[in-house]
Full PDB file with SEQRES, HELIX, SHEET, SSBOND, CRYST1, ORIGX, SCALE, CONECT and MASTER records, all heavy atoms in Angstrom:
SEQRES   1 A   43  ALA GLN ASN ALA LEU ILE ASN ILE THR THR ILE PHE LEU          
SEQRES   2 A   43  GLY LEU SER VAL GLY SER LYS LEU VAL ALA ASP LYS PHE          
SEQRES   3 A   43  LEU ASP MET ASN THR LEU GLY ILE LEU GLY LEU GLY ILE          
SEQRES   4 A   43  VAL ALA PHE GLY                                              
HELIX    1 AA1 ALA A    4  GLY A   18  1                                  15    
HELIX    2 AA2 ALA A   23  PHE A   26  1                                   4    
HELIX    3 AA3 MET A   29  PHE A   42  1                                  14    
CRYST1    1.000    1.000    1.000  90.00  90.00  90.00 P 1           1          
ORIGX1      1.000000  0.000000  0.000000        0.00000                         
ORIGX2      0.000000  1.000000  0.000000        0.00000                         
ORIGX3      0.000000  0.000000  1.000000        0.00000                         
SCALE1      1.000000  0.000000  0.000000        0.00000                         
SCALE2      0.000000  1.000000  0.000000        0.00000                         
SCALE3      0.000000  0.000000  1.000000        0.00000                         
ATOM      1  N   ALA A   1      10.658  -2.498-165.105  1.00  0.00           N  
ATOM      2  CA  ALA A   1       9.352  -2.345-164.474  1.00  0.00           C  
ATOM      3  C   ALA A   1       8.260  -3.141-165.254  1.00  0.00           C  
ATOM      4  O   ALA A   1       7.352  -3.693-164.618  1.00  0.00           O  
ATOM      5  CB  ALA A   1       8.931  -0.876-164.440  1.00  0.00           C  
ATOM      6  N   GLN A   2       8.323  -3.184-166.589  1.00  0.00           N  
ATOM      7  CA  GLN A   2       7.339  -3.901-167.394  1.00  0.00           C  
ATOM      8  C   GLN A   2       7.487  -5.369-167.337  1.00  0.00           C  
ATOM      9  O   GLN A   2       6.500  -6.146-167.576  1.00  0.00           O  
ATOM     10  CB  GLN A   2       7.415  -3.423-168.848  1.00  0.00           C  
ATOM     11  CG  GLN A   2       7.023  -2.009-169.098  1.00  0.00           C  
ATOM     12  CD  GLN A   2       7.129  -1.628-170.558  1.00  0.00           C  
ATOM     13  OE1 GLN A   2       6.611  -2.352-171.443  1.00  0.00           O  
ATOM     14  NE2 GLN A   2       7.768  -0.532-170.850  1.00  0.00           N  
ATOM     15  N   ASN A   3       8.704  -5.871-167.109  1.00  0.00           N  
ATOM     16  CA  ASN A   3       8.967  -7.300-167.258  1.00  0.00           C  
ATOM     17  C   ASN A   3       9.458  -7.956-165.973  1.00  0.00           C  
ATOM     18  O   ASN A   3       8.675  -8.479-165.202  1.00  0.00           O  
ATOM     19  CB  ASN A   3       9.972  -7.504-168.406  1.00  0.00           C  
ATOM     20  CG  ASN A   3       9.390  -7.090-169.740  1.00  0.00           C  
ATOM     21  OD1 ASN A   3       8.511  -7.747-170.313  1.00  0.00           O  
ATOM     22  ND2 ASN A   3       9.847  -5.964-170.279  1.00  0.00           N  
ATOM     23  N   ALA A   4      10.779  -7.862-165.728  1.00  0.00           N  
ATOM     24  CA  ALA A   4      11.366  -8.651-164.621  1.00  0.00           C  
ATOM     25  C   ALA A   4      10.757  -8.295-163.316  1.00  0.00           C  
ATOM     26  O   ALA A   4      10.370  -9.171-162.490  1.00  0.00           O  
ATOM     27  CB  ALA A   4      12.886  -8.410-164.599  1.00  0.00           C  
ATOM     28  N   LEU A   5      10.667  -6.986-162.973  1.00  0.00           N  
ATOM     29  CA  LEU A   5      10.250  -6.571-161.651  1.00  0.00           C  
ATOM     30  C   LEU A   5       8.763  -6.922-161.348  1.00  0.00           C  
ATOM     31  O   LEU A   5       8.442  -7.467-160.297  1.00  0.00           O  
ATOM     32  CB  LEU A   5      10.441  -5.065-161.484  1.00  0.00           C  
ATOM     33  CG  LEU A   5      10.118  -4.471-160.069  1.00  0.00           C  
ATOM     34  CD1 LEU A   5      10.952  -5.174-159.001  1.00  0.00           C  
ATOM     35  CD2 LEU A   5      10.407  -2.984-160.072  1.00  0.00           C  
ATOM     36  N   ILE A   6       7.907  -6.649-162.334  1.00  0.00           N  
ATOM     37  CA  ILE A   6       6.495  -6.947-162.141  1.00  0.00           C  
ATOM     38  C   ILE A   6       6.271  -8.455-162.094  1.00  0.00           C  
ATOM     39  O   ILE A   6       5.394  -8.956-161.361  1.00  0.00           O  
ATOM     40  CB  ILE A   6       5.618  -6.301-163.222  1.00  0.00           C  
ATOM     41  CG1 ILE A   6       4.145  -6.302-162.817  1.00  0.00           C  
ATOM     42  CG2 ILE A   6       5.767  -6.966-164.588  1.00  0.00           C  
ATOM     43  CD1 ILE A   6       3.265  -5.481-163.706  1.00  0.00           C  
ATOM     44  N   ASN A   7       7.054  -9.231-162.855  1.00  0.00           N  
ATOM     45  CA  ASN A   7       6.904 -10.701-162.821  1.00  0.00           C  
ATOM     46  C   ASN A   7       7.323 -11.262-161.476  1.00  0.00           C  
ATOM     47  O   ASN A   7       6.639 -12.142-160.898  1.00  0.00           O  
ATOM     48  CB  ASN A   7       7.697 -11.333-163.968  1.00  0.00           C  
ATOM     49  CG  ASN A   7       7.139 -11.031-165.312  1.00  0.00           C  
ATOM     50  OD1 ASN A   7       5.921 -10.753-165.409  1.00  0.00           O  
ATOM     51  ND2 ASN A   7       7.929 -11.098-166.326  1.00  0.00           N  
ATOM     52  N   ILE A   8       8.455 -10.815-160.962  1.00  0.00           N  
ATOM     53  CA  ILE A   8       8.944 -11.293-159.651  1.00  0.00           C  
ATOM     54  C   ILE A   8       7.916 -10.933-158.557  1.00  0.00           C  
ATOM     55  O   ILE A   8       7.549 -11.787-157.715  1.00  0.00           O  
ATOM     56  CB  ILE A   8      10.299 -10.711-159.336  1.00  0.00           C  
ATOM     57  CG1 ILE A   8      11.399 -11.264-160.299  1.00  0.00           C  
ATOM     58  CG2 ILE A   8      10.705 -10.988-157.898  1.00  0.00           C  
ATOM     59  CD1 ILE A   8      12.679 -10.562-160.178  1.00  0.00           C  
ATOM     60  N   THR A   9       7.462  -9.708-158.583  1.00  0.00           N  
ATOM     61  CA  THR A   9       6.491  -9.246-157.564  1.00  0.00           C  
ATOM     62  C   THR A   9       5.185 -10.015-157.638  1.00  0.00           C  
ATOM     63  O   THR A   9       4.589 -10.345-156.640  1.00  0.00           O  
ATOM     64  CB  THR A   9       6.176  -7.749-157.745  1.00  0.00           C  
ATOM     65  OG1 THR A   9       7.430  -6.992-157.771  1.00  0.00           O  
ATOM     66  CG2 THR A   9       5.320  -7.255-156.606  1.00  0.00           C  
ATOM     67  N   THR A  10       4.766 -10.337-158.882  1.00  0.00           N  
ATOM     68  CA  THR A  10       3.551 -11.104-159.043  1.00  0.00           C  
ATOM     69  C   THR A  10       3.593 -12.488-158.374  1.00  0.00           C  
ATOM     70  O   THR A  10       2.635 -12.929-157.801  1.00  0.00           O  
ATOM     71  CB  THR A  10       3.229 -11.252-160.589  1.00  0.00           C  
ATOM     72  OG1 THR A  10       3.027  -9.984-161.136  1.00  0.00           O  
ATOM     73  CG2 THR A  10       1.997 -12.094-160.783  1.00  0.00           C  
ATOM     74  N   ILE A  11       4.777 -13.091-158.441  1.00  0.00           N  
ATOM     75  CA  ILE A  11       4.939 -14.429-157.799  1.00  0.00           C  
ATOM     76  C   ILE A  11       4.686 -14.285-156.302  1.00  0.00           C  
ATOM     77  O   ILE A  11       3.872 -15.049-155.701  1.00  0.00           O  
ATOM     78  CB  ILE A  11       6.363 -14.953-158.055  1.00  0.00           C  
ATOM     79  CG1 ILE A  11       6.543 -15.288-159.542  1.00  0.00           C  
ATOM     80  CG2 ILE A  11       6.587 -16.211-157.204  1.00  0.00           C  
ATOM     81  CD1 ILE A  11       7.961 -15.664-159.922  1.00  0.00           C  
ATOM     82  N   PHE A  12       5.345 -13.388-155.631  1.00  0.00           N  
ATOM     83  CA  PHE A  12       5.192 -13.222-154.220  1.00  0.00           C  
ATOM     84  C   PHE A  12       3.831 -12.671-153.803  1.00  0.00           C  
ATOM     85  O   PHE A  12       3.293 -13.035-152.772  1.00  0.00           O  
ATOM     86  CB  PHE A  12       6.306 -12.374-153.622  1.00  0.00           C  
ATOM     87  CG  PHE A  12       7.673 -13.060-153.739  1.00  0.00           C  
ATOM     88  CD1 PHE A  12       8.598 -12.658-154.713  1.00  0.00           C  
ATOM     89  CD2 PHE A  12       8.011 -14.034-152.846  1.00  0.00           C  
ATOM     90  CE1 PHE A  12       9.842 -13.261-154.777  1.00  0.00           C  
ATOM     91  CE2 PHE A  12       9.253 -14.682-152.924  1.00  0.00           C  
ATOM     92  CZ  PHE A  12      10.134 -14.279-153.919  1.00  0.00           C  
ATOM     93  N   LEU A  13       3.285 -11.816-154.660  1.00  0.00           N  
ATOM     94  CA  LEU A  13       1.956 -11.341-154.420  1.00  0.00           C  
ATOM     95  C   LEU A  13       0.927 -12.434-154.453  1.00  0.00           C  
ATOM     96  O   LEU A  13       0.068 -12.575-153.504  1.00  0.00           O  
ATOM     97  CB  LEU A  13       1.573 -10.239-155.415  1.00  0.00           C  
ATOM     98  CG  LEU A  13       0.175  -9.602-155.302  1.00  0.00           C  
ATOM     99  CD1 LEU A  13       0.053  -8.790-154.053  1.00  0.00           C  
ATOM    100  CD2 LEU A  13      -0.125  -8.762-156.517  1.00  0.00           C  
ATOM    101  N   GLY A  14       0.997 -13.271-155.431  1.00  0.00           N  
ATOM    102  CA  GLY A  14       0.042 -14.374-155.583  1.00  0.00           C  
ATOM    103  C   GLY A  14       0.179 -15.391-154.418  1.00  0.00           C  
ATOM    104  O   GLY A  14      -0.869 -15.828-153.850  1.00  0.00           O  
ATOM    105  N   LEU A  15       1.403 -15.732-154.040  1.00  0.00           N  
ATOM    106  CA  LEU A  15       1.605 -16.665-152.938  1.00  0.00           C  
ATOM    107  C   LEU A  15       1.081 -16.060-151.650  1.00  0.00           C  
ATOM    108  O   LEU A  15       0.500 -16.747-150.785  1.00  0.00           O  
ATOM    109  CB  LEU A  15       3.049 -17.059-152.849  1.00  0.00           C  
ATOM    110  CG  LEU A  15       3.621 -17.947-153.921  1.00  0.00           C  
ATOM    111  CD1 LEU A  15       5.107 -18.094-153.756  1.00  0.00           C  
ATOM    112  CD2 LEU A  15       2.987 -19.347-153.890  1.00  0.00           C  
ATOM    113  N   SER A  16       1.294 -14.769-151.477  1.00  0.00           N  
ATOM    114  CA  SER A  16       0.841 -14.044-150.266  1.00  0.00           C  
ATOM    115  C   SER A  16      -0.691 -14.044-150.181  1.00  0.00           C  
ATOM    116  O   SER A  16      -1.252 -14.206-149.083  1.00  0.00           O  
ATOM    117  CB  SER A  16       1.376 -12.642-150.201  1.00  0.00           C  
ATOM    118  OG  SER A  16       2.826 -12.633-150.249  1.00  0.00           O  
ATOM    119  N   VAL A  17      -1.341 -13.802-151.279  1.00  0.00           N  
ATOM    120  CA  VAL A  17      -2.813 -13.834-151.313  1.00  0.00           C  
ATOM    121  C   VAL A  17      -3.280 -15.253-150.983  1.00  0.00           C  
ATOM    122  O   VAL A  17      -4.238 -15.447-150.224  1.00  0.00           O  
ATOM    123  CB  VAL A  17      -3.327 -13.365-152.674  1.00  0.00           C  
ATOM    124  CG1 VAL A  17      -4.856 -13.628-152.755  1.00  0.00           C  
ATOM    125  CG2 VAL A  17      -3.074 -11.896-152.859  1.00  0.00           C  
ATOM    126  N   GLY A  18      -2.625 -16.243-151.587  1.00  0.00           N  
ATOM    127  CA  GLY A  18      -2.990 -17.625-151.305  1.00  0.00           C  
ATOM    128  C   GLY A  18      -2.863 -17.998-149.851  1.00  0.00           C  
ATOM    129  O   GLY A  18      -3.605 -18.828-149.337  1.00  0.00           O  
ATOM    130  N   SER A  19      -1.939 -17.327-149.144  1.00  0.00           N  
ATOM    131  CA  SER A  19      -1.752 -17.650-147.686  1.00  0.00           C  
ATOM    132  C   SER A  19      -2.977 -17.267-146.897  1.00  0.00           C  
ATOM    133  O   SER A  19      -3.139 -17.754-145.758  1.00  0.00           O  
ATOM    134  CB  SER A  19      -0.535 -16.884-147.173  1.00  0.00           C  
ATOM    135  OG  SER A  19      -0.793 -15.490-147.036  1.00  0.00           O  
ATOM    136  N   LYS A  20      -3.829 -16.382-147.454  1.00  0.00           N  
ATOM    137  CA  LYS A  20      -5.044 -15.982-146.741  1.00  0.00           C  
ATOM    138  C   LYS A  20      -6.238 -16.915-146.981  1.00  0.00           C  
ATOM    139  O   LYS A  20      -7.341 -16.659-146.452  1.00  0.00           O  
ATOM    140  CB  LYS A  20      -5.406 -14.544-147.104  1.00  0.00           C  
ATOM    141  CG  LYS A  20      -4.461 -13.493-146.590  1.00  0.00           C  
ATOM    142  CD  LYS A  20      -4.392 -13.535-145.037  1.00  0.00           C  
ATOM    143  CE  LYS A  20      -3.481 -12.527-144.482  1.00  0.00           C  
ATOM    144  NZ  LYS A  20      -3.534 -12.527-142.967  1.00  0.00           N  
ATOM    145  N   LEU A  21      -6.007 -17.992-147.760  1.00  0.00           N  
ATOM    146  CA  LEU A  21      -7.043 -18.967-148.077  1.00  0.00           C  
ATOM    147  C   LEU A  21      -7.059 -20.086-147.039  1.00  0.00           C  
ATOM    148  O   LEU A  21      -7.452 -21.213-147.337  1.00  0.00           O  
ATOM    149  CB  LEU A  21      -6.923 -19.477-149.475  1.00  0.00           C  
ATOM    150  CG  LEU A  21      -6.968 -18.456-150.583  1.00  0.00           C  
ATOM    151  CD1 LEU A  21      -6.871 -19.150-151.943  1.00  0.00           C  
ATOM    152  CD2 LEU A  21      -8.247 -17.633-150.510  1.00  0.00           C  
ATOM    153  N   VAL A  22      -6.629 -19.826-145.811  1.00  0.00           N  
ATOM    154  CA  VAL A  22      -6.575 -20.817-144.769  1.00  0.00           C  
ATOM    155  C   VAL A  22      -8.026 -21.122-144.395  1.00  0.00           C  
ATOM    156  O   VAL A  22      -8.821 -20.234-144.216  1.00  0.00           O  
ATOM    157  CB  VAL A  22      -5.802 -20.323-143.569  1.00  0.00           C  
ATOM    158  CG1 VAL A  22      -5.751 -21.413-142.475  1.00  0.00           C  
ATOM    159  CG2 VAL A  22      -4.383 -19.905-143.948  1.00  0.00           C  
ATOM    160  N   ALA A  23      -8.319 -22.424-144.193  1.00  0.00           N  
ATOM    161  CA  ALA A  23      -9.702 -22.892-143.990  1.00  0.00           C  
ATOM    162  C   ALA A  23     -10.373 -22.169-142.830  1.00  0.00           C  
ATOM    163  O   ALA A  23     -11.542 -21.710-142.913  1.00  0.00           O  
ATOM    164  CB  ALA A  23      -9.728 -24.383-143.789  1.00  0.00           C  
ATOM    165  N   ASP A  24      -9.677 -22.067-141.667  1.00  0.00           N  
ATOM    166  CA  ASP A  24     -10.342 -21.561-140.460  1.00  0.00           C  
ATOM    167  C   ASP A  24     -10.622 -20.066-140.557  1.00  0.00           C  
ATOM    168  O   ASP A  24     -11.319 -19.540-139.736  1.00  0.00           O  
ATOM    169  CB  ASP A  24      -9.499 -21.882-139.224  1.00  0.00           C  
ATOM    170  CG  ASP A  24      -8.104 -21.361-139.291  1.00  0.00           C  
ATOM    171  OD1 ASP A  24      -7.741 -20.780-140.328  1.00  0.00           O  
ATOM    172  OD2 ASP A  24      -7.350 -21.510-138.317  1.00  0.00           O  
ATOM    173  N   LYS A  25     -10.012 -19.399-141.533  1.00  0.00           N  
ATOM    174  CA  LYS A  25     -10.231 -17.972-141.703  1.00  0.00           C  
ATOM    175  C   LYS A  25     -11.074 -17.638-142.924  1.00  0.00           C  
ATOM    176  O   LYS A  25     -11.698 -16.591-142.981  1.00  0.00           O  
ATOM    177  CB  LYS A  25      -8.943 -17.194-141.794  1.00  0.00           C  
ATOM    178  CG  LYS A  25      -8.028 -17.368-140.594  1.00  0.00           C  
ATOM    179  CD  LYS A  25      -6.694 -16.647-140.762  1.00  0.00           C  
ATOM    180  CE  LYS A  25      -5.815 -16.819-139.489  1.00  0.00           C  
ATOM    181  NZ  LYS A  25      -4.467 -16.158-139.682  1.00  0.00           N  
ATOM    182  N   PHE A  26     -11.111 -18.508-143.890  1.00  0.00           N  
ATOM    183  CA  PHE A  26     -11.785 -18.242-145.176  1.00  0.00           C  
ATOM    184  C   PHE A  26     -13.199 -18.759-145.282  1.00  0.00           C  
ATOM    185  O   PHE A  26     -14.053 -18.172-145.862  1.00  0.00           O  
ATOM    186  CB  PHE A  26     -10.927 -18.879-146.331  1.00  0.00           C  
ATOM    187  CG  PHE A  26     -11.392 -18.479-147.688  1.00  0.00           C  
ATOM    188  CD1 PHE A  26     -10.994 -17.286-148.272  1.00  0.00           C  
ATOM    189  CD2 PHE A  26     -12.211 -19.294-148.423  1.00  0.00           C  
ATOM    190  CE1 PHE A  26     -11.377 -16.915-149.575  1.00  0.00           C  
ATOM    191  CE2 PHE A  26     -12.640 -18.934-149.716  1.00  0.00           C  
ATOM    192  CZ  PHE A  26     -12.189 -17.773-150.248  1.00  0.00           C  
ATOM    193  N   LEU A  27     -13.454 -19.930-144.634  1.00  0.00           N  
ATOM    194  CA  LEU A  27     -14.750 -20.607-144.797  1.00  0.00           C  
ATOM    195  C   LEU A  27     -15.766 -20.075-143.822  1.00  0.00           C  
ATOM    196  O   LEU A  27     -15.875 -20.514-142.661  1.00  0.00           O  
ATOM    197  CB  LEU A  27     -14.601 -22.124-144.632  1.00  0.00           C  
ATOM    198  CG  LEU A  27     -13.793 -22.838-145.707  1.00  0.00           C  
ATOM    199  CD1 LEU A  27     -13.623 -24.318-145.394  1.00  0.00           C  
ATOM    200  CD2 LEU A  27     -14.480 -22.667-147.053  1.00  0.00           C  
ATOM    201  N   ASP A  28     -16.513 -19.043-144.175  1.00  0.00           N  
ATOM    202  CA  ASP A  28     -17.622 -18.560-143.395  1.00  0.00           C  
ATOM    203  C   ASP A  28     -18.604 -17.854-144.312  1.00  0.00           C  
ATOM    204  O   ASP A  28     -18.349 -17.681-145.478  1.00  0.00           O  
ATOM    205  CB  ASP A  28     -17.159 -17.611-142.268  1.00  0.00           C  
ATOM    206  CG  ASP A  28     -16.373 -16.451-142.843  1.00  0.00           C  
ATOM    207  OD1 ASP A  28     -16.605 -15.991-143.923  1.00  0.00           O  
ATOM    208  OD2 ASP A  28     -15.428 -15.983-142.067  1.00  0.00           O  
ATOM    209  N   MET A  29     -19.738 -17.439-143.769  1.00  0.00           N  
ATOM    210  CA  MET A  29     -20.801 -16.811-144.577  1.00  0.00           C  
ATOM    211  C   MET A  29     -20.384 -15.474-145.169  1.00  0.00           C  
ATOM    212  O   MET A  29     -20.823 -15.094-146.247  1.00  0.00           O  
ATOM    213  CB  MET A  29     -22.049 -16.636-143.718  1.00  0.00           C  
ATOM    214  CG  MET A  29     -22.805 -17.925-143.450  1.00  0.00           C  
ATOM    215  SD  MET A  29     -23.375 -18.716-144.942  1.00  0.00           S  
ATOM    216  CE  MET A  29     -24.476 -17.462-145.630  1.00  0.00           C  
ATOM    217  N   ASN A  30     -19.494 -14.780-144.420  1.00  0.00           N  
ATOM    218  CA  ASN A  30     -19.024 -13.514-144.967  1.00  0.00           C  
ATOM    219  C   ASN A  30     -18.266 -13.668-146.296  1.00  0.00           C  
ATOM    220  O   ASN A  30     -18.359 -12.834-147.179  1.00  0.00           O  
ATOM    221  CB  ASN A  30     -18.091 -12.835-143.957  1.00  0.00           C  
ATOM    222  CG  ASN A  30     -18.844 -12.223-142.781  1.00  0.00           C  
ATOM    223  OD1 ASN A  30     -20.055 -12.052-142.842  1.00  0.00           O  
ATOM    224  ND2 ASN A  30     -18.138 -11.829-141.729  1.00  0.00           N  
ATOM    225  N   THR A  31     -17.576 -14.780-146.460  1.00  0.00           N  
ATOM    226  CA  THR A  31     -16.860 -15.060-147.692  1.00  0.00           C  
ATOM    227  C   THR A  31     -17.835 -15.159-148.830  1.00  0.00           C  
ATOM    228  O   THR A  31     -17.653 -14.610-149.937  1.00  0.00           O  
ATOM    229  CB  THR A  31     -16.003 -16.315-147.589  1.00  0.00           C  
ATOM    230  OG1 THR A  31     -15.023 -16.151-146.573  1.00  0.00           O  
ATOM    231  CG2 THR A  31     -15.290 -16.590-148.898  1.00  0.00           C  
ATOM    232  N   LEU A  32     -18.930 -15.937-148.646  1.00  0.00           N  
ATOM    233  CA  LEU A  32     -19.945 -16.095-149.644  1.00  0.00           C  
ATOM    234  C   LEU A  32     -20.573 -14.735-149.975  1.00  0.00           C  
ATOM    235  O   LEU A  32     -20.866 -14.425-151.103  1.00  0.00           O  
ATOM    236  CB  LEU A  32     -21.012 -17.067-149.209  1.00  0.00           C  
ATOM    237  CG  LEU A  32     -20.550 -18.503-148.982  1.00  0.00           C  
ATOM    238  CD1 LEU A  32     -21.659 -19.386-148.449  1.00  0.00           C  
ATOM    239  CD2 LEU A  32     -20.000 -19.100-150.234  1.00  0.00           C  
ATOM    240  N   GLY A  33     -20.773 -13.922-148.903  1.00  0.00           N  
ATOM    241  CA  GLY A  33     -21.320 -12.599-149.121  1.00  0.00           C  
ATOM    242  C   GLY A  33     -20.410 -11.721-149.993  1.00  0.00           C  
ATOM    243  O   GLY A  33     -20.858 -10.971-150.843  1.00  0.00           O  
ATOM    244  N   ILE A  34     -19.095 -11.837-149.755  1.00  0.00           N  
ATOM    245  CA  ILE A  34     -18.141 -11.082-150.527  1.00  0.00           C  
ATOM    246  C   ILE A  34     -18.165 -11.480-152.015  1.00  0.00           C  
ATOM    247  O   ILE A  34     -18.138 -10.615-152.921  1.00  0.00           O  
ATOM    248  CB  ILE A  34     -16.717 -11.252-149.935  1.00  0.00           C  
ATOM    249  CG1 ILE A  34     -16.630 -10.530-148.620  1.00  0.00           C  
ATOM    250  CG2 ILE A  34     -15.656 -10.702-150.895  1.00  0.00           C  
ATOM    251  CD1 ILE A  34     -15.365 -10.837-147.880  1.00  0.00           C  
ATOM    252  N   LEU A  35     -18.199 -12.784-152.266  1.00  0.00           N  
ATOM    253  CA  LEU A  35     -18.251 -13.280-153.615  1.00  0.00           C  
ATOM    254  C   LEU A  35     -19.569 -12.783-154.319  1.00  0.00           C  
ATOM    255  O   LEU A  35     -19.505 -12.417-155.516  1.00  0.00           O  
ATOM    256  CB  LEU A  35     -18.174 -14.800-153.641  1.00  0.00           C  
ATOM    257  CG  LEU A  35     -16.883 -15.407-153.123  1.00  0.00           C  
ATOM    258  CD1 LEU A  35     -16.975 -16.914-153.052  1.00  0.00           C  
ATOM    259  CD2 LEU A  35     -15.683 -15.006-154.021  1.00  0.00           C  
ATOM    260  N   GLY A  36     -20.663 -12.831-153.594  1.00  0.00           N  
ATOM    261  CA  GLY A  36     -21.927 -12.369-154.184  1.00  0.00           C  
ATOM    262  C   GLY A  36     -21.908 -10.836-154.442  1.00  0.00           C  
ATOM    263  O   GLY A  36     -22.325 -10.399-155.543  1.00  0.00           O  
ATOM    264  N   LEU A  37     -21.436 -10.073-153.501  1.00  0.00           N  
ATOM    265  CA  LEU A  37     -21.320  -8.617-153.681  1.00  0.00           C  
ATOM    266  C   LEU A  37     -20.377  -8.247-154.791  1.00  0.00           C  
ATOM    267  O   LEU A  37     -20.542  -7.300-155.491  1.00  0.00           O  
ATOM    268  CB  LEU A  37     -20.897  -7.960-152.365  1.00  0.00           C  
ATOM    269  CG  LEU A  37     -21.956  -7.928-151.274  1.00  0.00           C  
ATOM    270  CD1 LEU A  37     -21.331  -7.464-149.909  1.00  0.00           C  
ATOM    271  CD2 LEU A  37     -23.115  -6.922-151.631  1.00  0.00           C  
ATOM    272  N   GLY A  38     -19.324  -9.064-154.964  1.00  0.00           N  
ATOM    273  CA  GLY A  38     -18.326  -8.805-155.984  1.00  0.00           C  
ATOM    274  C   GLY A  38     -18.888  -8.876-157.379  1.00  0.00           C  
ATOM    275  O   GLY A  38     -18.645  -7.999-158.238  1.00  0.00           O  
ATOM    276  N   ILE A  39     -19.693  -9.881-157.645  1.00  0.00           N  
ATOM    277  CA  ILE A  39     -20.263 -10.043-158.968  1.00  0.00           C  
ATOM    278  C   ILE A  39     -21.316  -8.958-159.187  1.00  0.00           C  
ATOM    279  O   ILE A  39     -21.453  -8.421-160.337  1.00  0.00           O  
ATOM    280  CB  ILE A  39     -20.887 -11.461-159.154  1.00  0.00           C  
ATOM    281  CG1 ILE A  39     -21.267 -11.698-160.602  1.00  0.00           C  
ATOM    282  CG2 ILE A  39     -22.095 -11.631-158.218  1.00  0.00           C  
ATOM    283  CD1 ILE A  39     -20.147 -11.771-161.540  1.00  0.00           C  
ATOM    284  N   VAL A  40     -22.026  -8.547-158.154  1.00  0.00           N  
ATOM    285  CA  VAL A  40     -22.967  -7.419-158.293  1.00  0.00           C  
ATOM    286  C   VAL A  40     -22.254  -6.156-158.609  1.00  0.00           C  
ATOM    287  O   VAL A  40     -22.653  -5.341-159.487  1.00  0.00           O  
ATOM    288  CB  VAL A  40     -23.844  -7.258-157.013  1.00  0.00           C  
ATOM    289  CG1 VAL A  40     -24.634  -5.960-157.056  1.00  0.00           C  
ATOM    290  CG2 VAL A  40     -24.731  -8.493-156.833  1.00  0.00           C  
ATOM    291  N   ALA A  41     -21.135  -5.894-157.908  1.00  0.00           N  
ATOM    292  CA  ALA A  41     -20.361  -4.712-158.117  1.00  0.00           C  
ATOM    293  C   ALA A  41     -19.812  -4.639-159.568  1.00  0.00           C  
ATOM    294  O   ALA A  41     -19.883  -3.590-160.183  1.00  0.00           O  
ATOM    295  CB  ALA A  41     -19.154  -4.677-157.134  1.00  0.00           C  
ATOM    296  N   PHE A  42     -19.318  -5.774-160.034  1.00  0.00           N  
ATOM    297  CA  PHE A  42     -18.804  -5.839-161.377  1.00  0.00           C  
ATOM    298  C   PHE A  42     -19.888  -5.604-162.424  1.00  0.00           C  
ATOM    299  O   PHE A  42     -19.652  -4.870-163.395  1.00  0.00           O  
ATOM    300  CB  PHE A  42     -18.151  -7.240-161.609  1.00  0.00           C  
ATOM    301  CG  PHE A  42     -17.260  -7.252-162.789  1.00  0.00           C  
ATOM    302  CD1 PHE A  42     -15.963  -6.812-162.730  1.00  0.00           C  
ATOM    303  CD2 PHE A  42     -17.691  -7.795-163.991  1.00  0.00           C  
ATOM    304  CE1 PHE A  42     -15.132  -6.825-163.834  1.00  0.00           C  
ATOM    305  CE2 PHE A  42     -16.907  -7.846-165.113  1.00  0.00           C  
ATOM    306  CZ  PHE A  42     -15.571  -7.367-165.021  1.00  0.00           C  
ATOM    307  N   GLY A  43     -21.030  -6.170-162.225  1.00  0.00           N  
ATOM    308  CA  GLY A  43     -22.169  -5.953-163.129  1.00  0.00           C  
ATOM    309  C   GLY A  43     -22.620  -4.483-163.145  1.00  0.00           C  
ATOM    310  O   GLY A  43     -22.914  -3.931-164.234  1.00  0.00           O  
TER     311      GLY A  43                                                      
MASTER        0    0    0    3    0    0    0    6  310    1    0    4          
END                                                                             
């Protein structure tokens, strides 16, 4: 769980997240709003 399994899962998780960075779905004002709200939330 600490090594092999989490590492394998991380590969597919990362590629799956990357699949959502398609231009026609990612590039809009809402995305900029999310990035701005994210830094505020973290702060």
